[in-house]
Amino acid sequence: MSIADNLLAFTFAATLLTLTPGLDTALVLRTATVEGKRQAFRAALGVNAGCLVWGAAVAFGLGALIAVSELGYNLLKYCGAAYLAWLGVNMLLRPRRSLAPAEANGKAGGNWFLKGMLGNVLNPKVGIFYVSFLPQFIPQGQPLVAWTFGLVSIHVVLGLVWSMVLIGATQPLSGFLRRESVIRWMDRTTGMIFVLFAARLAFSKR
């Protein structure tokens, strides 16, 4: 395939993957609903910063090392599962009842950029996915590092656009979504999703 064909094929595949509901979607939707669009955008930036970290790891060989090292894979896998479980259990046991004015302005609620980034960085499946997926779209003879970062950048742009769509979709319903019962339900539902993802990650195999 030509360079243009490779880029188009990757963009199409990455778009389908971006639209597939997963942990990132749950995180952005929950944060937008409960804490507002500023915090949700920070979470989205964190998620995509995690993609860039994995892109760098793959470009410089760490992703391949994790792909072949059972110890490295398991260590990162269990750290990621523990982190997701910690987030989920906190939401289940301590769901919010209301939003203080400071929270509505995005001044509280934790560092969602860091939470979003760690959620991706501590998930070795993202690294394995990049190791197995990206090389298919790098033309033979082209510089590996430059193409890896280029493809990851396309994935990041798609992720940010989709996150903005998700965040915007919550705004017309913001009054309803900020009710006490809805906030508590959203926290508990997202917490359960996080715990399920943690269990799935902990017991997953390559």
N, C-alpha and C. Protein backbone atom coordinates (compact mmCIF):
# COMPACT_ATOMS: atom_id res chain seq x y z
N MET A 1 0.84 -1.19 0.00
CA MET A 1 0.00 0.00 0.00
C MET A 1 0.88 1.25 0.00
N SER A 2 0.34 2.33 -0.54
CA SER A 2 1.05 3.60 -0.52
C SER A 2 0.97 4.21 0.87
N ILE A 3 1.76 5.28 1.08
CA ILE A 3 1.74 5.96 2.37
C ILE A 3 0.33 6.49 2.67
N ALA A 4 -0.31 7.07 1.66
CA ALA A 4 -1.68 7.59 1.86
C ALA A 4 -2.65 6.47 2.22
N ASP A 5 -2.51 5.34 1.56
CA ASP A 5 -3.39 4.20 1.86
C ASP A 5 -3.17 3.71 3.29
N ASN A 6 -1.92 3.66 3.73
CA ASN A 6 -1.62 3.25 5.10
C ASN A 6 -2.26 4.19 6.11
N LEU A 7 -2.14 5.48 5.86
CA LEU A 7 -2.70 6.47 6.79
C LEU A 7 -4.23 6.38 6.83
N LEU A 8 -4.85 6.22 5.66
CA LEU A 8 -6.31 6.10 5.63
C LEU A 8 -6.78 4.83 6.33
N ALA A 9 -6.09 3.73 6.09
CA ALA A 9 -6.47 2.47 6.73
C ALA A 9 -6.32 2.56 8.24
N PHE A 10 -5.22 3.16 8.69
CA PHE A 10 -5.02 3.29 10.14
C PHE A 10 -6.07 4.20 10.75
N THR A 11 -6.36 5.31 10.09
CA THR A 11 -7.35 6.26 10.62
C THR A 11 -8.72 5.60 10.75
N PHE A 12 -9.09 4.80 9.76
CA PHE A 12 -10.37 4.10 9.82
C PHE A 12 -10.38 3.10 10.97
N ALA A 13 -9.32 2.29 11.09
CA ALA A 13 -9.25 1.30 12.16
C ALA A 13 -9.22 1.96 13.53
N ALA A 14 -8.45 3.03 13.66
CA ALA A 14 -8.34 3.73 14.95
C ALA A 14 -9.67 4.40 15.32
N THR A 15 -10.40 4.86 14.32
CA THR A 15 -11.71 5.46 14.60
C THR A 15 -12.67 4.43 15.18
N LEU A 16 -12.69 3.25 14.60
CA LEU A 16 -13.55 2.17 15.11
C LEU A 16 -13.16 1.82 16.55
N LEU A 17 -11.87 1.75 16.81
CA LEU A 17 -11.41 1.42 18.16
C LEU A 17 -11.76 2.52 19.15
N THR A 18 -11.65 3.78 18.71
CA THR A 18 -11.96 4.91 19.58
C THR A 18 -13.44 4.92 19.96
N LEU A 19 -14.29 4.56 19.01
CA LEU A 19 -15.74 4.60 19.25
C LEU A 19 -16.23 3.40 20.08
N THR A 20 -15.38 2.38 20.23
CA THR A 20 -15.78 1.21 21.01
C THR A 20 -15.82 1.58 22.49
N PRO A 21 -16.96 1.43 23.16
CA PRO A 21 -17.05 1.82 24.58
C PRO A 21 -16.07 1.04 25.44
N GLY A 22 -15.45 1.73 26.37
CA GLY A 22 -14.50 1.10 27.27
C GLY A 22 -14.28 1.94 28.51
N LEU A 23 -13.19 1.69 29.19
CA LEU A 23 -12.88 2.40 30.43
C LEU A 23 -12.76 3.89 30.20
N ASP A 24 -12.10 4.30 29.11
CA ASP A 24 -11.91 5.71 28.84
C ASP A 24 -13.24 6.43 28.66
N THR A 25 -14.16 5.79 27.94
CA THR A 25 -15.49 6.37 27.73
C THR A 25 -16.21 6.54 29.06
N ALA A 26 -16.16 5.53 29.91
CA ALA A 26 -16.82 5.60 31.21
C ALA A 26 -16.22 6.71 32.06
N LEU A 27 -14.90 6.85 32.03
CA LEU A 27 -14.23 7.87 32.82
C LEU A 27 -14.62 9.28 32.39
N VAL A 28 -14.61 9.52 31.08
CA VAL A 28 -14.93 10.85 30.57
C VAL A 28 -16.39 11.19 30.82
N LEU A 29 -17.29 10.24 30.57
CA LEU A 29 -18.71 10.50 30.78
C LEU A 29 -19.02 10.78 32.25
N ARG A 30 -18.45 9.97 33.13
CA ARG A 30 -18.70 10.16 34.56
C ARG A 30 -18.18 11.51 35.03
N THR A 31 -16.99 11.87 34.61
CA THR A 31 -16.39 13.13 35.06
C THR A 31 -17.15 14.32 34.50
N ALA A 32 -17.57 14.23 33.24
CA ALA A 32 -18.35 15.32 32.65
C ALA A 32 -19.68 15.50 33.37
N THR A 33 -20.30 14.39 33.73
CA THR A 33 -21.62 14.44 34.37
C THR A 33 -21.54 14.96 35.79
N VAL A 34 -20.57 14.47 36.55
CA VAL A 34 -20.50 14.77 37.98
C VAL A 34 -19.69 16.01 38.28
N GLU A 35 -18.62 16.26 37.54
CA GLU A 35 -17.71 17.35 37.90
C GLU A 35 -17.59 18.44 36.86
N GLY A 36 -18.25 18.28 35.73
CA GLY A 36 -18.25 19.34 34.74
C GLY A 36 -17.27 19.12 33.61
N LYS A 37 -17.43 19.95 32.58
CA LYS A 37 -16.68 19.73 31.34
C LYS A 37 -15.20 20.04 31.49
N ARG A 38 -14.82 20.95 32.38
CA ARG A 38 -13.39 21.26 32.54
C ARG A 38 -12.63 20.05 33.07
N GLN A 39 -13.16 19.46 34.12
CA GLN A 39 -12.50 18.28 34.68
C GLN A 39 -12.54 17.12 33.69
N ALA A 40 -13.64 16.98 32.97
CA ALA A 40 -13.74 15.90 32.00
C ALA A 40 -12.71 16.07 30.89
N PHE A 41 -12.50 17.33 30.47
CA PHE A 41 -11.50 17.58 29.44
C PHE A 41 -10.10 17.26 29.96
N ARG A 42 -9.86 17.56 31.25
CA ARG A 42 -8.58 17.20 31.84
C ARG A 42 -8.39 15.67 31.85
N ALA A 43 -9.47 14.97 32.19
CA ALA A 43 -9.39 13.50 32.18
C ALA A 43 -9.11 12.99 30.77
N ALA A 44 -9.76 13.58 29.77
CA ALA A 44 -9.53 13.17 28.38
C ALA A 44 -8.09 13.45 27.96
N LEU A 45 -7.56 14.61 28.36
CA LEU A 45 -6.17 14.91 28.06
C LEU A 45 -5.24 13.89 28.71
N GLY A 46 -5.57 13.50 29.96
CA GLY A 46 -4.76 12.51 30.65
C GLY A 46 -4.78 11.16 29.95
N VAL A 47 -5.97 10.74 29.54
CA VAL A 47 -6.10 9.46 28.82
C VAL A 47 -5.22 9.46 27.58
N ASN A 48 -5.27 10.55 26.83
CA ASN A 48 -4.51 10.61 25.59
C ASN A 48 -3.03 10.86 25.83
N ALA A 49 -2.68 11.49 26.94
CA ALA A 49 -1.27 11.59 27.31
C ALA A 49 -0.72 10.20 27.60
N GLY A 50 -1.57 9.33 28.19
CA GLY A 50 -1.17 7.95 28.41
C GLY A 50 -0.89 7.23 27.11
N CYS A 51 -1.68 7.53 26.07
CA CYS A 51 -1.43 6.94 24.74
C CYS A 51 -0.07 7.39 24.21
N LEU A 52 0.28 8.66 24.43
CA LEU A 52 1.57 9.16 23.97
C LEU A 52 2.72 8.50 24.73
N VAL A 53 2.52 8.26 26.03
CA VAL A 53 3.54 7.56 26.82
C VAL A 53 3.77 6.17 26.26
N TRP A 54 2.68 5.46 25.97
CA TRP A 54 2.81 4.12 25.40
C TRP A 54 3.41 4.18 24.00
N GLY A 55 3.06 5.20 23.23
CA GLY A 55 3.65 5.35 21.91
C GLY A 55 5.15 5.51 21.99
N ALA A 56 5.61 6.31 22.97
CA ALA A 56 7.05 6.49 23.17
C ALA A 56 7.69 5.17 23.59
N ALA A 57 7.01 4.45 24.49
CA ALA A 57 7.55 3.17 24.96
C ALA A 57 7.69 2.17 23.81
N VAL A 58 6.67 2.13 22.96
CA VAL A 58 6.73 1.22 21.82
C VAL A 58 7.82 1.64 20.84
N ALA A 59 7.90 2.94 20.58
CA ALA A 59 8.89 3.45 19.62
C ALA A 59 10.32 3.13 20.05
N PHE A 60 10.55 3.16 21.36
CA PHE A 60 11.91 2.96 21.86
C PHE A 60 12.15 1.58 22.46
N GLY A 61 11.19 0.66 22.24
CA GLY A 61 11.45 -0.74 22.55
C GLY A 61 10.87 -1.28 23.84
N LEU A 62 10.38 -0.42 24.76
CA LEU A 62 9.86 -0.92 26.02
C LEU A 62 8.60 -1.75 25.81
N GLY A 63 7.75 -1.31 24.88
CA GLY A 63 6.52 -2.06 24.61
C GLY A 63 6.82 -3.47 24.15
N ALA A 64 7.83 -3.62 23.30
CA ALA A 64 8.21 -4.96 22.83
C ALA A 64 8.74 -5.80 23.98
N LEU A 65 9.47 -5.15 24.91
CA LEU A 65 9.99 -5.88 26.07
C LEU A 65 8.86 -6.41 26.94
N ILE A 66 7.84 -5.59 27.17
CA ILE A 66 6.69 -6.01 27.96
C ILE A 66 5.93 -7.12 27.25
N ALA A 67 5.92 -7.05 25.92
CA ALA A 67 5.22 -8.07 25.14
C ALA A 67 5.85 -9.44 25.29
N VAL A 68 7.17 -9.50 25.52
CA VAL A 68 7.85 -10.80 25.61
C VAL A 68 8.21 -11.18 27.05
N SER A 69 8.14 -10.23 27.98
CA SER A 69 8.52 -10.50 29.36
C SER A 69 7.29 -10.79 30.20
N GLU A 70 7.16 -12.02 30.67
CA GLU A 70 6.02 -12.41 31.50
C GLU A 70 6.01 -11.62 32.81
N LEU A 71 7.18 -11.46 33.42
CA LEU A 71 7.27 -10.73 34.69
C LEU A 71 6.90 -9.27 34.51
N GLY A 72 7.45 -8.63 33.48
CA GLY A 72 7.14 -7.23 33.24
C GLY A 72 5.67 -7.01 32.95
N TYR A 73 5.11 -7.89 32.14
CA TYR A 73 3.69 -7.78 31.81
C TYR A 73 2.82 -7.94 33.05
N ASN A 74 3.09 -8.97 33.84
CA ASN A 74 2.28 -9.23 35.03
C ASN A 74 2.41 -8.12 36.06
N LEU A 75 3.62 -7.60 36.22
CA LEU A 75 3.83 -6.52 37.19
C LEU A 75 3.00 -5.30 36.84
N LEU A 76 3.08 -4.89 35.59
CA LEU A 76 2.31 -3.73 35.16
C LEU A 76 0.81 -4.02 35.19
N LYS A 77 0.43 -5.24 34.83
CA LYS A 77 -0.98 -5.63 34.83
C LYS A 77 -1.58 -5.53 36.22
N TYR A 78 -0.89 -6.07 37.22
CA TYR A 78 -1.43 -6.06 38.58
C TYR A 78 -1.42 -4.66 39.19
N CYS A 79 -0.42 -3.86 38.85
CA CYS A 79 -0.42 -2.47 39.31
C CYS A 79 -1.62 -1.72 38.73
N GLY A 80 -1.88 -1.94 37.44
CA GLY A 80 -3.03 -1.29 36.80
C GLY A 80 -4.35 -1.76 37.39
N ALA A 81 -4.47 -3.06 37.64
CA ALA A 81 -5.71 -3.59 38.21
C ALA A 81 -5.94 -3.04 39.61
N ALA A 82 -4.86 -2.94 40.41
CA ALA A 82 -4.98 -2.41 41.77
C ALA A 82 -5.40 -0.94 41.74
N TYR A 83 -4.85 -0.19 40.80
CA TYR A 83 -5.20 1.23 40.70
C TYR A 83 -6.66 1.41 40.30
N LEU A 84 -7.12 0.65 39.30
CA LEU A 84 -8.52 0.75 38.88
C LEU A 84 -9.46 0.31 40.00
N ALA A 85 -9.08 -0.75 40.72
CA ALA A 85 -9.91 -1.22 41.83
C ALA A 85 -10.00 -0.16 42.92
N TRP A 86 -8.89 0.50 43.19
CA TRP A 86 -8.88 1.57 44.21
C TRP A 86 -9.81 2.70 43.82
N LEU A 87 -9.76 3.14 42.56
CA LEU A 87 -10.67 4.18 42.09
C LEU A 87 -12.12 3.71 42.20
N GLY A 88 -12.38 2.49 41.75
CA GLY A 88 -13.75 1.98 41.74
C GLY A 88 -14.33 1.82 43.12
N VAL A 89 -13.56 1.25 44.05
CA VAL A 89 -14.05 1.04 45.42
C VAL A 89 -14.35 2.37 46.09
N ASN A 90 -13.50 3.37 45.85
CA ASN A 90 -13.76 4.70 46.43
C ASN A 90 -15.07 5.28 45.93
N MET A 91 -15.36 5.10 44.64
CA MET A 91 -16.62 5.61 44.10
C MET A 91 -17.81 4.83 44.64
N LEU A 92 -17.64 3.53 44.85
CA LEU A 92 -18.73 2.71 45.36
C LEU A 92 -19.04 3.03 46.82
N LEU A 93 -18.00 3.19 47.62
CA LEU A 93 -18.19 3.39 49.06
C LEU A 93 -18.45 4.84 49.44
N ARG A 94 -17.94 5.76 48.61
CA ARG A 94 -18.10 7.18 48.94
C ARG A 94 -18.61 7.97 47.74
N PRO A 95 -19.80 7.63 47.26
CA PRO A 95 -20.36 8.38 46.13
C PRO A 95 -20.72 9.81 46.56
N ARG A 96 -20.62 10.73 45.66
CA ARG A 96 -20.97 12.12 45.97
C ARG A 96 -22.47 12.29 46.04
N ARG A 97 -22.88 13.26 46.82
CA ARG A 97 -24.30 13.58 46.92
C ARG A 97 -24.63 14.90 46.23
N SER A 98 -23.67 15.78 46.16
CA SER A 98 -23.89 17.07 45.52
C SER A 98 -22.55 17.64 45.09
N LEU A 99 -22.63 18.74 44.36
CA LEU A 99 -21.42 19.42 43.92
C LEU A 99 -21.33 20.78 44.61
N ALA A 100 -20.21 21.02 45.26
CA ALA A 100 -19.96 22.35 45.81
C ALA A 100 -19.63 23.28 44.66
N PRO A 101 -19.80 24.60 44.83
CA PRO A 101 -19.48 25.53 43.76
C PRO A 101 -18.05 25.38 43.24
N ALA A 102 -17.11 25.13 44.16
CA ALA A 102 -15.71 25.00 43.73
C ALA A 102 -15.54 23.81 42.80
N GLU A 103 -16.30 22.73 43.09
CA GLU A 103 -16.19 21.54 42.26
C GLU A 103 -16.76 21.80 40.88
N ALA A 104 -17.87 22.53 40.85
CA ALA A 104 -18.50 22.83 39.57
C ALA A 104 -17.58 23.65 38.67
N ASN A 105 -16.69 24.42 39.27
CA ASN A 105 -15.75 25.22 38.50
C ASN A 105 -14.47 24.48 38.18
N GLY A 106 -14.42 23.20 38.53
CA GLY A 106 -13.27 22.40 38.19
C GLY A 106 -12.10 22.58 39.13
N LYS A 107 -12.32 23.08 40.37
CA LYS A 107 -11.23 23.33 41.30
C LYS A 107 -11.08 22.22 42.33
N ALA A 108 -11.91 21.21 42.24
CA ALA A 108 -11.82 20.11 43.21
C ALA A 108 -12.10 18.82 42.50
N GLY A 109 -12.10 17.73 43.30
CA GLY A 109 -12.44 16.44 42.72
C GLY A 109 -11.23 15.63 42.32
N GLY A 110 -10.05 16.11 42.62
CA GLY A 110 -8.86 15.32 42.32
C GLY A 110 -8.25 15.70 40.99
N ASN A 111 -7.06 15.19 40.78
CA ASN A 111 -6.33 15.47 39.55
C ASN A 111 -6.76 14.48 38.48
N TRP A 112 -7.75 14.85 37.69
CA TRP A 112 -8.29 13.92 36.71
C TRP A 112 -7.37 13.74 35.51
N PHE A 113 -6.49 14.69 35.26
CA PHE A 113 -5.49 14.47 34.22
C PHE A 113 -4.60 13.30 34.61
N LEU A 114 -4.14 13.30 35.85
CA LEU A 114 -3.27 12.23 36.33
C LEU A 114 -4.02 10.90 36.37
N LYS A 115 -5.27 10.94 36.82
CA LYS A 115 -6.06 9.70 36.89
C LYS A 115 -6.27 9.11 35.49
N GLY A 116 -6.59 9.97 34.53
CA GLY A 116 -6.78 9.48 33.18
C GLY A 116 -5.51 8.91 32.58
N MET A 117 -4.39 9.59 32.84
CA MET A 117 -3.12 9.12 32.29
C MET A 117 -2.70 7.80 32.92
N LEU A 118 -2.81 7.70 34.25
CA LEU A 118 -2.41 6.47 34.92
C LEU A 118 -3.28 5.30 34.51
N GLY A 119 -4.57 5.57 34.27
CA GLY A 119 -5.45 4.50 33.83
C GLY A 119 -4.96 3.84 32.55
N ASN A 120 -4.36 4.64 31.66
CA ASN A 120 -3.82 4.09 30.41
C ASN A 120 -2.42 3.54 30.58
N VAL A 121 -1.56 4.28 31.29
CA VAL A 121 -0.16 3.88 31.43
C VAL A 121 -0.04 2.55 32.18
N LEU A 122 -0.92 2.32 33.16
CA LEU A 122 -0.86 1.10 33.96
C LEU A 122 -1.65 -0.05 33.35
N ASN A 123 -2.06 0.10 32.12
CA ASN A 123 -2.76 -0.97 31.42
C ASN A 123 -1.84 -1.54 30.35
N PRO A 124 -1.20 -2.68 30.60
CA PRO A 124 -0.25 -3.23 29.62
C PRO A 124 -0.91 -3.62 28.31
N LYS A 125 -2.23 -3.82 28.32
CA LYS A 125 -2.90 -4.20 27.08
C LYS A 125 -2.83 -3.08 26.05
N VAL A 126 -2.74 -1.82 26.52
CA VAL A 126 -2.57 -0.72 25.58
C VAL A 126 -1.22 -0.86 24.88
N GLY A 127 -0.18 -1.18 25.66
CA GLY A 127 1.14 -1.38 25.08
C GLY A 127 1.17 -2.55 24.13
N ILE A 128 0.56 -3.67 24.53
CA ILE A 128 0.52 -4.86 23.66
C ILE A 128 -0.24 -4.53 22.37
N PHE A 129 -1.33 -3.79 22.52
CA PHE A 129 -2.12 -3.39 21.35
C PHE A 129 -1.28 -2.57 20.39
N TYR A 130 -0.55 -1.59 20.92
CA TYR A 130 0.28 -0.75 20.05
C TYR A 130 1.38 -1.57 19.39
N VAL A 131 2.00 -2.47 20.16
CA VAL A 131 3.08 -3.30 19.61
C VAL A 131 2.57 -4.15 18.45
N SER A 132 1.37 -4.70 18.60
CA SER A 132 0.85 -5.61 17.57
C SER A 132 0.12 -4.88 16.45
N PHE A 133 -0.40 -3.69 16.73
CA PHE A 133 -1.27 -2.99 15.79
C PHE A 133 -0.52 -2.00 14.91
N LEU A 134 0.31 -1.17 15.53
CA LEU A 134 0.96 -0.09 14.79
C LEU A 134 1.86 -0.57 13.65
N PRO A 135 2.69 -1.62 13.86
CA PRO A 135 3.61 -2.02 12.78
C PRO A 135 2.91 -2.37 11.47
N GLN A 136 1.64 -2.77 11.55
CA GLN A 136 0.92 -3.14 10.33
C GLN A 136 0.74 -1.95 9.39
N PHE A 137 0.83 -0.73 9.94
CA PHE A 137 0.55 0.46 9.15
C PHE A 137 1.79 1.33 8.91
N ILE A 138 2.96 0.78 9.23
CA ILE A 138 4.21 1.49 8.97
C ILE A 138 4.82 0.94 7.69
N PRO A 139 4.89 1.75 6.64
CA PRO A 139 5.44 1.25 5.37
C PRO A 139 6.88 0.77 5.52
N GLN A 140 7.21 -0.23 4.79
CA GLN A 140 8.56 -0.78 4.85
C GLN A 140 9.58 0.28 4.43
N GLY A 141 10.64 0.37 5.22
CA GLY A 141 11.70 1.31 4.92
C GLY A 141 11.51 2.68 5.52
N GLN A 142 10.36 2.94 6.15
CA GLN A 142 10.10 4.24 6.76
C GLN A 142 10.65 4.27 8.19
N PRO A 143 11.02 5.46 8.71
CA PRO A 143 11.57 5.55 10.07
C PRO A 143 10.55 5.12 11.12
N LEU A 144 10.93 4.15 11.94
CA LEU A 144 10.01 3.55 12.91
C LEU A 144 9.52 4.56 13.94
N VAL A 145 10.45 5.32 14.54
CA VAL A 145 10.08 6.24 15.62
C VAL A 145 9.13 7.32 15.12
N ALA A 146 9.47 7.93 14.00
CA ALA A 146 8.63 9.01 13.46
C ALA A 146 7.24 8.51 13.10
N TRP A 147 7.17 7.34 12.47
CA TRP A 147 5.87 6.81 12.09
C TRP A 147 5.05 6.37 13.30
N THR A 148 5.73 5.80 14.29
CA THR A 148 5.01 5.40 15.50
C THR A 148 4.35 6.60 16.16
N PHE A 149 5.12 7.67 16.35
CA PHE A 149 4.56 8.87 16.96
C PHE A 149 3.49 9.50 16.08
N GLY A 150 3.67 9.42 14.76
CA GLY A 150 2.67 9.97 13.86
C GLY A 150 1.34 9.24 13.96
N LEU A 151 1.39 7.91 13.99
CA LEU A 151 0.17 7.12 14.09
C LEU A 151 -0.50 7.29 15.44
N VAL A 152 0.32 7.32 16.50
CA VAL A 152 -0.24 7.54 17.83
C VAL A 152 -0.89 8.92 17.91
N SER A 153 -0.30 9.91 17.27
CA SER A 153 -0.87 11.26 17.27
C SER A 153 -2.24 11.27 16.60
N ILE A 154 -2.39 10.50 15.51
CA ILE A 154 -3.70 10.39 14.87
C ILE A 154 -4.71 9.79 15.84
N HIS A 155 -4.30 8.73 16.54
CA HIS A 155 -5.17 8.09 17.53
C HIS A 155 -5.55 9.07 18.64
N VAL A 156 -4.58 9.88 19.08
CA VAL A 156 -4.84 10.86 20.14
C VAL A 156 -5.84 11.91 19.67
N VAL A 157 -5.67 12.42 18.46
CA VAL A 157 -6.60 13.43 17.93
C VAL A 157 -8.01 12.86 17.85
N LEU A 158 -8.13 11.64 17.36
CA LEU A 158 -9.45 10.99 17.30
C LEU A 158 -10.04 10.84 18.69
N GLY A 159 -9.20 10.46 19.66
CA GLY A 159 -9.67 10.30 21.03
C GLY A 159 -10.16 11.60 21.63
N LEU A 160 -9.43 12.69 21.37
CA LEU A 160 -9.84 13.99 21.90
C LEU A 160 -11.14 14.47 21.27
N VAL A 161 -11.27 14.26 19.96
CA VAL A 161 -12.51 14.67 19.28
C VAL A 161 -13.70 13.89 19.84
N TRP A 162 -13.54 12.58 20.01
CA TRP A 162 -14.62 11.76 20.55
C TRP A 162 -14.94 12.17 22.00
N SER A 163 -13.91 12.47 22.77
CA SER A 163 -14.14 12.91 24.15
C SER A 163 -14.93 14.22 24.18
N MET A 164 -14.62 15.14 23.28
CA MET A 164 -15.35 16.40 23.23
C MET A 164 -16.82 16.17 22.86
N VAL A 165 -17.06 15.20 21.97
CA VAL A 165 -18.45 14.85 21.62
C VAL A 165 -19.18 14.31 22.85
N LEU A 166 -18.52 13.42 23.60
CA LEU A 166 -19.13 12.86 24.80
C LEU A 166 -19.40 13.94 25.84
N ILE A 167 -18.42 14.83 26.02
CA ILE A 167 -18.58 15.90 27.01
C ILE A 167 -19.72 16.83 26.61
N GLY A 168 -19.76 17.19 25.31
CA GLY A 168 -20.82 18.08 24.84
C GLY A 168 -22.20 17.45 24.97
N ALA A 169 -22.27 16.13 24.83
CA ALA A 169 -23.57 15.45 24.90
C ALA A 169 -24.17 15.50 26.29
N THR A 170 -23.34 15.68 27.32
CA THR A 170 -23.86 15.73 28.69
C THR A 170 -24.40 17.11 29.07
N GLN A 171 -24.00 18.15 28.34
CA GLN A 171 -24.35 19.50 28.74
C GLN A 171 -25.85 19.81 28.69
N PRO A 172 -26.59 19.41 27.63
CA PRO A 172 -28.03 19.70 27.63
C PRO A 172 -28.78 19.06 28.80
N LEU A 173 -28.23 18.00 29.35
CA LEU A 173 -28.89 17.30 30.45
C LEU A 173 -28.23 17.60 31.80
N SER A 174 -27.41 18.65 31.83
CA SER A 174 -26.61 18.90 33.04
C SER A 174 -27.47 19.11 34.29
N GLY A 175 -28.62 19.79 34.13
CA GLY A 175 -29.48 20.02 35.29
C GLY A 175 -29.96 18.72 35.90
N PHE A 176 -30.44 17.81 35.04
CA PHE A 176 -30.91 16.51 35.51
C PHE A 176 -29.76 15.67 36.07
N LEU A 177 -28.62 15.70 35.36
CA LEU A 177 -27.49 14.85 35.73
C LEU A 177 -26.81 15.30 37.02
N ARG A 178 -27.09 16.53 37.47
CA ARG A 178 -26.46 17.01 38.70
C ARG A 178 -27.36 16.84 39.93
N ARG A 179 -28.48 16.14 39.78
CA ARG A 179 -29.31 15.82 40.94
C ARG A 179 -28.58 14.86 41.86
N GLU A 180 -28.87 14.95 43.17
CA GLU A 180 -28.17 14.12 44.15
C GLU A 180 -28.28 12.64 43.83
N SER A 181 -29.48 12.16 43.53
CA SER A 181 -29.66 10.73 43.27
C SER A 181 -28.91 10.29 42.02
N VAL A 182 -28.89 11.15 41.00
CA VAL A 182 -28.22 10.81 39.75
C VAL A 182 -26.71 10.80 39.94
N ILE A 183 -26.19 11.78 40.70
CA ILE A 183 -24.75 11.84 40.96
C ILE A 183 -24.29 10.59 41.69
N ARG A 184 -25.04 10.19 42.73
CA ARG A 184 -24.67 8.99 43.48
C ARG A 184 -24.75 7.75 42.59
N TRP A 185 -25.78 7.68 41.75
CA TRP A 185 -25.92 6.53 40.85
C TRP A 185 -24.77 6.48 39.85
N MET A 186 -24.39 7.65 39.31
CA MET A 186 -23.30 7.70 38.34
C MET A 186 -21.98 7.27 38.98
N ASP A 187 -21.73 7.75 40.21
CA ASP A 187 -20.50 7.37 40.89
C ASP A 187 -20.45 5.86 41.14
N ARG A 188 -21.54 5.32 41.63
CA ARG A 188 -21.57 3.89 41.94
C ARG A 188 -21.50 3.04 40.67
N THR A 189 -22.18 3.47 39.62
CA THR A 189 -22.13 2.72 38.37
C THR A 189 -20.73 2.73 37.78
N THR A 190 -20.11 3.93 37.76
CA THR A 190 -18.75 4.02 37.24
C THR A 190 -17.79 3.24 38.12
N GLY A 191 -17.99 3.31 39.43
CA GLY A 191 -17.15 2.54 40.34
C GLY A 191 -17.24 1.05 40.06
N MET A 192 -18.44 0.56 39.81
CA MET A 192 -18.62 -0.86 39.49
C MET A 192 -17.92 -1.21 38.18
N ILE A 193 -18.04 -0.32 37.18
CA ILE A 193 -17.35 -0.54 35.90
C ILE A 193 -15.85 -0.62 36.11
N PHE A 194 -15.31 0.28 36.93
CA PHE A 194 -13.87 0.28 37.20
C PHE A 194 -13.44 -1.02 37.88
N VAL A 195 -14.24 -1.48 38.85
CA VAL A 195 -13.91 -2.72 39.56
C VAL A 195 -13.95 -3.91 38.59
N LEU A 196 -14.95 -3.92 37.71
CA LEU A 196 -15.05 -5.01 36.73
C LEU A 196 -13.87 -4.99 35.76
N PHE A 197 -13.49 -3.79 35.33
CA PHE A 197 -12.32 -3.68 34.46
C PHE A 197 -11.06 -4.13 35.19
N ALA A 198 -10.97 -3.80 36.48
CA ALA A 198 -9.81 -4.21 37.27
C ALA A 198 -9.72 -5.73 37.35
N ALA A 199 -10.87 -6.37 37.62
CA ALA A 199 -10.89 -7.83 37.69
C ALA A 199 -10.56 -8.46 36.34
N ARG A 200 -11.11 -7.88 35.29
CA ARG A 200 -10.85 -8.39 33.94
C ARG A 200 -9.36 -8.27 33.60
N LEU A 201 -8.77 -7.14 33.97
CA LEU A 201 -7.34 -6.95 33.71
C LEU A 201 -6.50 -7.90 34.54
N ALA A 202 -6.84 -8.05 35.82
CA ALA A 202 -6.04 -8.90 36.72
C ALA A 202 -6.03 -10.35 36.27
N PHE A 203 -7.16 -10.83 35.74
CA PHE A 203 -7.26 -12.24 35.36
C PHE A 203 -7.04 -12.48 33.87
N SER A 204 -6.70 -11.42 33.16
CA SER A 204 -6.51 -11.55 31.73
C SER A 204 -5.18 -12.22 31.41
N LYS A 205 -5.12 -12.81 30.22
CA LYS A 205 -3.90 -13.38 29.71
C LYS A 205 -3.54 -12.68 28.41
N ARG A 206 -2.35 -12.92 27.95
CA ARG A 206 -1.90 -12.25 26.73
C ARG A 206 -2.81 -12.58 25.55
